Amino acid sequence: MVVQTAGLQVWGMLKVLLEAKEAGLTERLVPYVERLVKAGMWLSKDVKRRILRLAGEETS
């Protein structure tokens, strides 16, 4: 990727959401993740579980 060659870091939407929570811009990621899925973003159950675990929102 040209971006990586330039030394820039590529972030996806889920990384942006995790950073927003860490910065205190949102209390929960679940509503946003669900909204992305409803809008057509495909997430495996494993990826969804890992993102929510990283956010401290693991549901079991």
PDB file of N, CA and C in Angstrom:
ATOM      1  N   MET A   1       0.825  -1.180   0.000  1.00  0.00           N
ATOM      2  CA  MET A   1       0.000   0.000   0.000  1.00  0.00           C
ATOM      3  C   MET A   1       0.873   1.248   0.000  1.00  0.00           C
ATOM      4  N   VAL A   2       0.483   2.241  -0.713  1.00  0.00           N
ATOM      5  CA  VAL A   2       1.234   3.491  -0.787  1.00  0.00           C
ATOM      6  C   VAL A   2       1.295   4.150   0.582  1.00  0.00           C
ATOM      7  N   VAL A   3       0.196   4.093   1.314  1.00  0.00           N
ATOM      8  CA  VAL A   3       0.137   4.727   2.630  1.00  0.00           C
ATOM      9  C   VAL A   3       1.185   4.131   3.558  1.00  0.00           C
ATOM     10  N   GLN A   4       1.290   2.816   3.581  1.00  0.00           N
ATOM     11  CA  GLN A   4       2.260   2.162   4.442  1.00  0.00           C
ATOM     12  C   GLN A   4       3.686   2.449   3.988  1.00  0.00           C
ATOM     13  N   THR A   5       3.904   2.527   2.699  1.00  0.00           N
ATOM     14  CA  THR A   5       5.221   2.864   2.168  1.00  0.00           C
ATOM     15  C   THR A   5       5.644   4.251   2.640  1.00  0.00           C
ATOM     16  N   ALA A   6       4.667   5.140   2.777  1.00  0.00           N
ATOM     17  CA  ALA A   6       4.947   6.495   3.244  1.00  0.00           C
ATOM     18  C   ALA A   6       5.129   6.552   4.758  1.00  0.00           C
ATOM     19  N   GLY A   7       4.980   5.403   5.421  1.00  0.00           N
ATOM     20  CA  GLY A   7       5.166   5.364   6.868  1.00  0.00           C
ATOM     21  C   GLY A   7       3.943   5.757   7.667  1.00  0.00           C
ATOM     22  N   LEU A   8       2.789   5.828   7.011  1.00  0.00           N
ATOM     23  CA  LEU A   8       1.559   6.185   7.705  1.00  0.00           C
ATOM     24  C   LEU A   8       0.850   4.930   8.188  1.00  0.00           C
ATOM     25  N   GLN A   9       0.095   5.077   9.260  1.00  0.00           N
ATOM     26  CA  GLN A   9      -0.642   3.954   9.818  1.00  0.00           C
ATOM     27  C   GLN A   9      -2.069   3.963   9.271  1.00  0.00           C
ATOM     28  N   VAL A  10      -2.545   2.787   8.879  1.00  0.00           N
ATOM     29  CA  VAL A  10      -3.904   2.662   8.351  1.00  0.00           C
ATOM     30  C   VAL A  10      -4.805   2.170   9.470  1.00  0.00           C
ATOM     31  N   TRP A  11      -5.883   2.885   9.700  1.00  0.00           N
ATOM     32  CA  TRP A  11      -6.855   2.504  10.711  1.00  0.00           C
ATOM     33  C   TRP A  11      -8.179   2.198  10.051  1.00  0.00           C
ATOM     34  N   GLY A  12      -8.821   1.152  10.494  1.00  0.00           N
ATOM     35  CA  GLY A  12     -10.164   0.836  10.047  1.00  0.00           C
ATOM     36  C   GLY A  12     -11.185   1.450  10.978  1.00  0.00           C
ATOM     37  N   MET A  13     -12.434   1.313  10.622  1.00  0.00           N
ATOM     38  CA  MET A  13     -13.525   1.891  11.397  1.00  0.00           C
ATOM     39  C   MET A  13     -13.543   1.358  12.836  1.00  0.00           C
ATOM     40  N   LEU A  14     -13.275   0.077  13.016  1.00  0.00           N
ATOM     41  CA  LEU A  14     -13.320  -0.490  14.358  1.00  0.00           C
ATOM     42  C   LEU A  14     -12.202   0.071  15.240  1.00  0.00           C
ATOM     43  N   LYS A  15     -11.052   0.304  14.676  1.00  0.00           N
ATOM     44  CA  LYS A  15      -9.941   0.925  15.418  1.00  0.00           C
ATOM     45  C   LYS A  15     -10.310   2.352  15.811  1.00  0.00           C
ATOM     46  N   VAL A  16     -10.954   3.067  14.912  1.00  0.00           N
ATOM     47  CA  VAL A  16     -11.383   4.436  15.210  1.00  0.00           C
ATOM     48  C   VAL A  16     -12.373   4.426  16.371  1.00  0.00           C
ATOM     49  N   LEU A  17     -13.304   3.464  16.364  1.00  0.00           N
ATOM     50  CA  LEU A  17     -14.266   3.366  17.464  1.00  0.00           C
ATOM     51  C   LEU A  17     -13.572   3.048  18.787  1.00  0.00           C
ATOM     52  N   LEU A  18     -12.612   2.133  18.764  1.00  0.00           N
ATOM     53  CA  LEU A  18     -11.867   1.816  19.988  1.00  0.00           C
ATOM     54  C   LEU A  18     -11.121   3.044  20.520  1.00  0.00           C
ATOM     55  N   GLU A  19     -10.525   3.799  19.634  1.00  0.00           N
ATOM     56  CA  GLU A  19      -9.811   5.014  20.045  1.00  0.00           C
ATOM     57  C   GLU A  19     -10.781   6.058  20.597  1.00  0.00           C
ATOM     58  N   ALA A  20     -11.965   6.155  20.001  1.00  0.00           N
ATOM     59  CA  ALA A  20     -12.973   7.110  20.485  1.00  0.00           C
ATOM     60  C   ALA A  20     -13.402   6.752  21.902  1.00  0.00           C
ATOM     61  N   LYS A  21     -13.579   5.472  22.174  1.00  0.00           N
ATOM     62  CA  LYS A  21     -13.956   5.058  23.521  1.00  0.00           C
ATOM     63  C   LYS A  21     -12.823   5.352  24.497  1.00  0.00           C
ATOM     64  N   GLU A  22     -11.607   5.037  24.101  1.00  0.00           N
ATOM     65  CA  GLU A  22     -10.458   5.293  24.968  1.00  0.00           C
ATOM     66  C   GLU A  22     -10.314   6.783  25.290  1.00  0.00           C
ATOM     67  N   ALA A  23     -10.663   7.636  24.325  1.00  0.00           N
ATOM     68  CA  ALA A  23     -10.566   9.081  24.517  1.00  0.00           C
ATOM     69  C   ALA A  23     -11.769   9.649  25.272  1.00  0.00           C
ATOM     70  N   GLY A  24     -12.738   8.788  25.612  1.00  0.00           N
ATOM     71  CA  GLY A  24     -13.906   9.245  26.346  1.00  0.00           C
ATOM     72  C   GLY A  24     -14.973   9.900  25.491  1.00  0.00           C
ATOM     73  N   LEU A  25     -14.909   9.684  24.181  1.00  0.00           N
ATOM     74  CA  LEU A  25     -15.894  10.286  23.289  1.00  0.00           C
ATOM     75  C   LEU A  25     -17.194   9.496  23.215  1.00  0.00           C
ATOM     76  N   THR A  26     -17.156   8.258  23.669  1.00  0.00           N
ATOM     77  CA  THR A  26     -18.349   7.427  23.737  1.00  0.00           C
ATOM     78  C   THR A  26     -18.196   6.460  24.903  1.00  0.00           C
ATOM     79  N   GLU A  27     -19.308   6.071  25.484  1.00  0.00           N
ATOM     80  CA  GLU A  27     -19.248   5.134  26.604  1.00  0.00           C
ATOM     81  C   GLU A  27     -19.313   3.683  26.142  1.00  0.00           C
ATOM     82  N   ARG A  28     -19.990   3.440  25.019  1.00  0.00           N
ATOM     83  CA  ARG A  28     -20.188   2.065  24.558  1.00  0.00           C
ATOM     84  C   ARG A  28     -19.990   1.968  23.048  1.00  0.00           C
ATOM     85  N   LEU A  29     -19.413   0.836  22.619  1.00  0.00           N
ATOM     86  CA  LEU A  29     -19.230   0.580  21.189  1.00  0.00           C
ATOM     87  C   LEU A  29     -20.350  -0.260  20.593  1.00  0.00           C
ATOM     88  N   VAL A  30     -21.022  -1.037  21.432  1.00  0.00           N
ATOM     89  CA  VAL A  30     -22.035  -1.961  20.923  1.00  0.00           C
ATOM     90  C   VAL A  30     -23.026  -1.288  19.970  1.00  0.00           C
ATOM     91  N   PRO A  31     -23.607  -0.134  20.325  1.00  0.00           N
ATOM     92  CA  PRO A  31     -24.576   0.472  19.394  1.00  0.00           C
ATOM     93  C   PRO A  31     -23.964   0.825  18.033  1.00  0.00           C
ATOM     94  N   TYR A  32     -22.733   1.259  18.043  1.00  0.00           N
ATOM     95  CA  TYR A  32     -22.071   1.634  16.791  1.00  0.00           C
ATOM     96  C   TYR A  32     -21.722   0.407  15.950  1.00  0.00           C
ATOM     97  N   VAL A  33     -21.257  -0.635  16.610  1.00  0.00           N
ATOM     98  CA  VAL A  33     -20.938  -1.869  15.894  1.00  0.00           C
ATOM     99  C   VAL A  33     -22.214  -2.446  15.282  1.00  0.00           C
ATOM    100  N   GLU A  34     -23.280  -2.460  16.042  1.00  0.00           N
ATOM    101  CA  GLU A  34     -24.560  -2.968  15.525  1.00  0.00           C
ATOM    102  C   GLU A  34     -25.049  -2.130  14.350  1.00  0.00           C
ATOM    103  N   ARG A  35     -24.887  -0.832  14.435  1.00  0.00           N
ATOM    104  CA  ARG A  35     -25.317   0.056  13.346  1.00  0.00           C
ATOM    105  C   ARG A  35     -24.496  -0.206  12.084  1.00  0.00           C
ATOM    106  N   LEU A  36     -23.200  -0.435  12.231  1.00  0.00           N
ATOM    107  CA  LEU A  36     -22.355  -0.753  11.081  1.00  0.00           C
ATOM    108  C   LEU A  36     -22.786  -2.067  10.425  1.00  0.00           C
ATOM    109  N   VAL A  37     -23.089  -3.064  11.244  1.00  0.00           N
ATOM    110  CA  VAL A  37     -23.535  -4.359  10.719  1.00  0.00           C
ATOM    111  C   VAL A  37     -24.851  -4.194   9.971  1.00  0.00           C
ATOM    112  N   LYS A  38     -25.787  -3.442  10.546  1.00  0.00           N
ATOM    113  CA  LYS A  38     -27.077  -3.210   9.882  1.00  0.00           C
ATOM    114  C   LYS A  38     -26.914  -2.448   8.570  1.00  0.00           C
ATOM    115  N   ALA A  39     -25.874  -1.625   8.494  1.00  0.00           N
ATOM    116  CA  ALA A  39     -25.625  -0.847   7.279  1.00  0.00           C
ATOM    117  C   ALA A  39     -24.905  -1.663   6.205  1.00  0.00           C
ATOM    118  N   GLY A  40     -24.524  -2.910   6.550  1.00  0.00           N
ATOM    119  CA  GLY A  40     -23.918  -3.768   5.541  1.00  0.00           C
ATOM    120  C   GLY A  40     -22.480  -4.175   5.789  1.00  0.00           C
ATOM    121  N   MET A  41     -21.875  -3.702   6.862  1.00  0.00           N
ATOM    122  CA  MET A  41     -20.495  -4.106   7.167  1.00  0.00           C
ATOM    123  C   MET A  41     -20.521  -5.543   7.681  1.00  0.00           C
ATOM    124  N   TRP A  42     -19.727  -6.405   7.054  1.00  0.00           N
ATOM    125  CA  TRP A  42     -19.687  -7.796   7.488  1.00  0.00           C
ATOM    126  C   TRP A  42     -18.632  -7.960   8.558  1.00  0.00           C
ATOM    127  N   LEU A  43     -19.024  -8.545   9.680  1.00  0.00           N
ATOM    128  CA  LEU A  43     -18.094  -8.862  10.760  1.00  0.00           C
ATOM    129  C   LEU A  43     -18.317 -10.303  11.174  1.00  0.00           C
ATOM    130  N   SER A  44     -17.258 -11.061  11.271  1.00  0.00           N
ATOM    131  CA  SER A  44     -17.411 -12.419  11.785  1.00  0.00           C
ATOM    132  C   SER A  44     -17.725 -12.322  13.274  1.00  0.00           C
ATOM    133  N   LYS A  45     -18.304 -13.366  13.816  1.00  0.00           N
ATOM    134  CA  LYS A  45     -18.608 -13.384  15.246  1.00  0.00           C
ATOM    135  C   LYS A  45     -17.333 -13.237  16.067  1.00  0.00           C
ATOM    136  N   ASP A  46     -16.246 -13.848  15.574  1.00  0.00           N
ATOM    137  CA  ASP A  46     -14.974 -13.779  16.281  1.00  0.00           C
ATOM    138  C   ASP A  46     -14.432 -12.354  16.323  1.00  0.00           C
ATOM    139  N   VAL A  47     -14.468 -11.647  15.215  1.00  0.00           N
ATOM    140  CA  VAL A  47     -13.972 -10.267  15.172  1.00  0.00           C
ATOM    141  C   VAL A  47     -14.830  -9.384  16.073  1.00  0.00           C
ATOM    142  N   LYS A  48     -16.133  -9.546  15.987  1.00  0.00           N
ATOM    143  CA  LYS A  48     -17.033  -8.754  16.834  1.00  0.00           C
ATOM    144  C   LYS A  48     -16.743  -9.020  18.310  1.00  0.00           C
ATOM    145  N   ARG A  49     -16.571 -10.265  18.672  1.00  0.00           N
ATOM    146  CA  ARG A  49     -16.278 -10.635  20.057  1.00  0.00           C
ATOM    147  C   ARG A  49     -14.952 -10.022  20.513  1.00  0.00           C
ATOM    148  N   ARG A  50     -13.936 -10.074  19.651  1.00  0.00           N
ATOM    149  CA  ARG A  50     -12.622  -9.524  20.024  1.00  0.00           C
ATOM    150  C   ARG A  50     -12.659  -8.010  20.191  1.00  0.00           C
ATOM    151  N   ILE A  51     -13.367  -7.313  19.300  1.00  0.00           N
ATOM    152  CA  ILE A  51     -13.478  -5.854  19.407  1.00  0.00           C
ATOM    153  C   ILE A  51     -14.176  -5.470  20.704  1.00  0.00           C
ATOM    154  N   LEU A  52     -15.270  -6.162  20.994  1.00  0.00           N
ATOM    155  CA  LEU A  52     -15.995  -5.839  22.219  1.00  0.00           C
ATOM    156  C   LEU A  52     -15.187  -6.203  23.467  1.00  0.00           C
ATOM    157  N   ARG A  53     -14.380  -7.256  23.391  1.00  0.00           N
ATOM    158  CA  ARG A  53     -13.517  -7.606  24.516  1.00  0.00           C
ATOM    159  C   ARG A  53     -12.465  -6.516  24.720  1.00  0.00           C
ATOM    160  N   LEU A  54     -11.870  -6.042  23.631  1.00  0.00           N
ATOM    161  CA  LEU A  54     -10.885  -4.964  23.738  1.00  0.00           C
ATOM    162  C   LEU A  54     -11.498  -3.690  24.330  1.00  0.00           C
ATOM    163  N   ALA A  55     -12.789  -3.485  24.052  1.00  0.00           N
ATOM    164  CA  ALA A  55     -13.489  -2.306  24.560  1.00  0.00           C
ATOM    165  C   ALA A  55     -14.006  -2.504  25.981  1.00  0.00           C
ATOM    166  N   GLY A  56     -13.826  -3.719  26.530  1.00  0.00           N
ATOM    167  CA  GLY A  56     -14.327  -4.002  27.863  1.00  0.00           C
ATOM    168  C   GLY A  56     -15.828  -4.204  27.899  1.00  0.00           C
ATOM    169  N   GLU A  57     -16.393  -4.619  26.750  1.00  0.00           N
ATOM    170  CA  GLU A  57     -17.836  -4.803  26.636  1.00  0.00           C
ATOM    171  C   GLU A  57     -18.203  -6.241  26.284  1.00  0.00           C
ATOM    172  N   GLU A  58     -17.338  -7.140  26.623  1.00  0.00           N
ATOM    173  CA  GLU A  58     -17.577  -8.554  26.313  1.00  0.00           C
ATOM    174  C   GLU A  58     -18.851  -9.009  27.023  1.00  0.00           C
ATOM    175  N   THR A  59     -19.722  -9.665  26.275  1.00  0.00           N
ATOM    176  CA  THR A  59     -21.011 -10.081  26.834  1.00  0.00           C
ATOM    177  C   THR A  59     -21.012 -11.537  27.255  1.00  0.00           C
ATOM    178  N   SER A  60     -19.951 -12.263  27.107  1.00  0.00           N
ATOM    179  CA  SER A  60     -19.728 -13.650  27.542  1.00  0.00           C
ATOM    180  C   SER A  60     -19.209 -14.516  26.437  1.00  0.00           C
TER     181      SER A  60
END
